[in-house]
Amino acid sequence: MNTSINGNQKKRGRPATGERSHIAARVSEDEIKKIDEWAARHGVTRAEAIRRLVQIGLDAAE
């Protein structure tokens, strides 16, 4: 008789780093182009540009 395996089963997927949350958002091709242009002008990656632009928007909203 086959029995199910219990006990030390490994979790699937990448282990959590605990550093930051991952946020996904859909953006248009035009928005991506503008983000990439902003990133190039400021010498940062797309991800860093998005973080900075979000912070700028949050600061402006206060």
N, C-alpha and C. Protein backbone atom coordinates (compact mmCIF):
# COMPACT_ATOMS: atom_id res chain seq x y z
N MET A 1 0.84 -1.18 0.00
CA MET A 1 0.00 0.00 0.00
C MET A 1 0.89 1.24 0.00
N ASN A 2 0.54 2.19 -0.86
CA ASN A 2 1.30 3.44 -0.92
C ASN A 2 0.85 4.37 0.18
N THR A 3 1.81 5.03 0.78
CA THR A 3 1.49 6.01 1.82
C THR A 3 1.98 7.37 1.38
N SER A 4 1.32 8.40 1.85
CA SER A 4 1.75 9.75 1.50
C SER A 4 2.98 10.13 2.30
N ILE A 5 3.75 11.02 1.73
CA ILE A 5 4.98 11.47 2.39
C ILE A 5 4.65 12.64 3.29
N ASN A 6 4.96 12.56 4.53
CA ASN A 6 4.75 13.63 5.49
C ASN A 6 6.07 14.02 6.12
N GLY A 7 6.11 15.14 6.74
CA GLY A 7 7.33 15.51 7.47
C GLY A 7 8.03 16.68 6.83
N ASN A 8 9.30 16.52 6.52
CA ASN A 8 10.17 17.61 6.07
C ASN A 8 10.06 17.84 4.57
N GLN A 9 8.91 18.31 4.12
CA GLN A 9 8.74 18.62 2.71
C GLN A 9 9.26 20.04 2.46
N LYS A 10 9.97 20.22 1.35
CA LYS A 10 10.50 21.53 1.01
C LYS A 10 9.41 22.41 0.44
N LYS A 11 9.48 23.71 0.75
CA LYS A 11 8.55 24.67 0.18
C LYS A 11 9.02 25.01 -1.23
N ARG A 12 8.08 25.29 -2.09
CA ARG A 12 8.41 25.64 -3.47
C ARG A 12 8.68 27.13 -3.61
N GLY A 13 9.44 27.47 -4.62
CA GLY A 13 9.68 28.88 -4.94
C GLY A 13 10.93 29.42 -4.27
N ARG A 14 11.21 30.64 -4.60
CA ARG A 14 12.38 31.33 -4.07
C ARG A 14 12.17 31.66 -2.60
N PRO A 15 13.19 31.45 -1.77
CA PRO A 15 13.04 31.79 -0.35
C PRO A 15 12.85 33.29 -0.15
N ALA A 16 12.05 33.66 0.81
CA ALA A 16 11.80 35.07 1.10
C ALA A 16 13.05 35.71 1.68
N THR A 17 13.35 36.92 1.24
CA THR A 17 14.52 37.63 1.76
C THR A 17 14.16 38.46 2.97
N GLY A 18 12.88 38.83 3.07
CA GLY A 18 12.44 39.64 4.19
C GLY A 18 12.83 41.10 4.08
N GLU A 19 13.44 41.50 2.98
CA GLU A 19 13.91 42.88 2.84
C GLU A 19 12.81 43.83 2.37
N ARG A 20 12.18 43.52 1.27
CA ARG A 20 11.19 44.42 0.69
C ARG A 20 10.03 43.61 0.13
N SER A 21 8.93 44.29 -0.05
CA SER A 21 7.78 43.69 -0.71
C SER A 21 7.93 43.85 -2.21
N HIS A 22 7.36 42.90 -2.93
CA HIS A 22 7.35 42.97 -4.39
C HIS A 22 6.00 43.51 -4.82
N ILE A 23 6.00 44.52 -5.66
CA ILE A 23 4.77 45.11 -6.16
C ILE A 23 4.80 45.05 -7.68
N ALA A 24 3.74 44.53 -8.26
CA ALA A 24 3.64 44.47 -9.71
C ALA A 24 2.58 45.45 -10.18
N ALA A 25 2.85 46.11 -11.29
CA ALA A 25 1.89 47.06 -11.84
C ALA A 25 1.98 47.00 -13.36
N ARG A 26 0.86 47.18 -13.99
CA ARG A 26 0.82 47.23 -15.45
C ARG A 26 0.98 48.68 -15.89
N VAL A 27 1.93 48.90 -16.81
CA VAL A 27 2.15 50.24 -17.35
C VAL A 27 2.16 50.16 -18.87
N SER A 28 1.79 51.26 -19.51
CA SER A 28 1.75 51.28 -20.97
C SER A 28 3.17 51.39 -21.54
N GLU A 29 3.28 51.12 -22.83
CA GLU A 29 4.57 51.25 -23.51
C GLU A 29 5.07 52.68 -23.43
N ASP A 30 4.17 53.64 -23.53
CA ASP A 30 4.54 55.06 -23.44
C ASP A 30 5.10 55.38 -22.06
N GLU A 31 4.46 54.85 -21.01
CA GLU A 31 4.95 55.08 -19.65
C GLU A 31 6.32 54.44 -19.44
N ILE A 32 6.52 53.24 -19.97
CA ILE A 32 7.82 52.57 -19.87
C ILE A 32 8.90 53.41 -20.54
N LYS A 33 8.57 53.94 -21.71
CA LYS A 33 9.53 54.78 -22.44
C LYS A 33 9.91 56.01 -21.62
N LYS A 34 8.90 56.66 -21.01
CA LYS A 34 9.18 57.84 -20.20
C LYS A 34 10.00 57.49 -18.95
N ILE A 35 9.69 56.36 -18.33
CA ILE A 35 10.46 55.91 -17.15
C ILE A 35 11.90 55.64 -17.54
N ASP A 36 12.09 54.94 -18.67
CA ASP A 36 13.44 54.62 -19.13
C ASP A 36 14.24 55.88 -19.47
N GLU A 37 13.57 56.86 -20.08
CA GLU A 37 14.24 58.13 -20.39
C GLU A 37 14.65 58.85 -19.10
N TRP A 38 13.76 58.86 -18.12
CA TRP A 38 14.05 59.49 -16.83
C TRP A 38 15.23 58.79 -16.16
N ALA A 39 15.21 57.45 -16.22
CA ALA A 39 16.29 56.66 -15.61
C ALA A 39 17.63 56.97 -16.28
N ALA A 40 17.63 57.07 -17.60
CA ALA A 40 18.87 57.37 -18.32
C ALA A 40 19.41 58.75 -17.96
N ARG A 41 18.51 59.74 -17.85
CA ARG A 41 18.96 61.09 -17.48
C ARG A 41 19.56 61.14 -16.09
N HIS A 42 19.07 60.28 -15.19
CA HIS A 42 19.54 60.29 -13.80
C HIS A 42 20.55 59.18 -13.50
N GLY A 43 20.90 58.39 -14.51
CA GLY A 43 21.94 57.37 -14.36
C GLY A 43 21.57 56.25 -13.41
N VAL A 44 20.31 55.83 -13.44
CA VAL A 44 19.85 54.75 -12.56
C VAL A 44 19.14 53.67 -13.38
N THR A 45 18.91 52.54 -12.76
CA THR A 45 18.18 51.47 -13.41
C THR A 45 16.69 51.80 -13.46
N ARG A 46 15.96 51.02 -14.24
CA ARG A 46 14.51 51.21 -14.32
C ARG A 46 13.87 51.02 -12.95
N ALA A 47 14.28 49.99 -12.22
CA ALA A 47 13.71 49.72 -10.90
C ALA A 47 13.97 50.87 -9.93
N GLU A 48 15.18 51.38 -9.95
CA GLU A 48 15.51 52.51 -9.06
C GLU A 48 14.74 53.75 -9.48
N ALA A 49 14.57 53.96 -10.78
CA ALA A 49 13.81 55.10 -11.26
C ALA A 49 12.37 55.02 -10.77
N ILE A 50 11.78 53.84 -10.84
CA ILE A 50 10.40 53.68 -10.38
C ILE A 50 10.31 53.97 -8.88
N ARG A 51 11.26 53.46 -8.09
CA ARG A 51 11.25 53.75 -6.65
C ARG A 51 11.35 55.24 -6.39
N ARG A 52 12.27 55.92 -7.09
CA ARG A 52 12.44 57.36 -6.88
C ARG A 52 11.22 58.15 -7.33
N LEU A 53 10.63 57.78 -8.47
CA LEU A 53 9.46 58.49 -8.96
C LEU A 53 8.26 58.30 -8.04
N VAL A 54 8.11 57.13 -7.47
CA VAL A 54 7.04 56.91 -6.50
C VAL A 54 7.27 57.80 -5.29
N GLN A 55 8.50 57.87 -4.80
CA GLN A 55 8.81 58.72 -3.64
C GLN A 55 8.56 60.19 -3.95
N ILE A 56 8.94 60.62 -5.14
CA ILE A 56 8.68 62.01 -5.55
C ILE A 56 7.18 62.29 -5.55
N GLY A 57 6.40 61.36 -6.08
CA GLY A 57 4.95 61.53 -6.10
C GLY A 57 4.35 61.56 -4.70
N LEU A 58 4.84 60.69 -3.82
CA LEU A 58 4.35 60.67 -2.45
C LEU A 58 4.70 61.96 -1.70
N ASP A 59 5.92 62.43 -1.90
CA ASP A 59 6.33 63.68 -1.25
C ASP A 59 5.49 64.85 -1.74
N ALA A 60 5.18 64.87 -3.04
CA ALA A 60 4.39 65.97 -3.61
C ALA A 60 2.96 65.94 -3.10
N ALA A 61 2.47 64.75 -2.76
CA ALA A 61 1.08 64.61 -2.33
C ALA A 61 0.88 65.09 -0.89
N GLU A 62 1.96 65.25 -0.15
CA GLU A 62 1.85 65.66 1.27
C GLU A 62 1.68 67.11 1.44
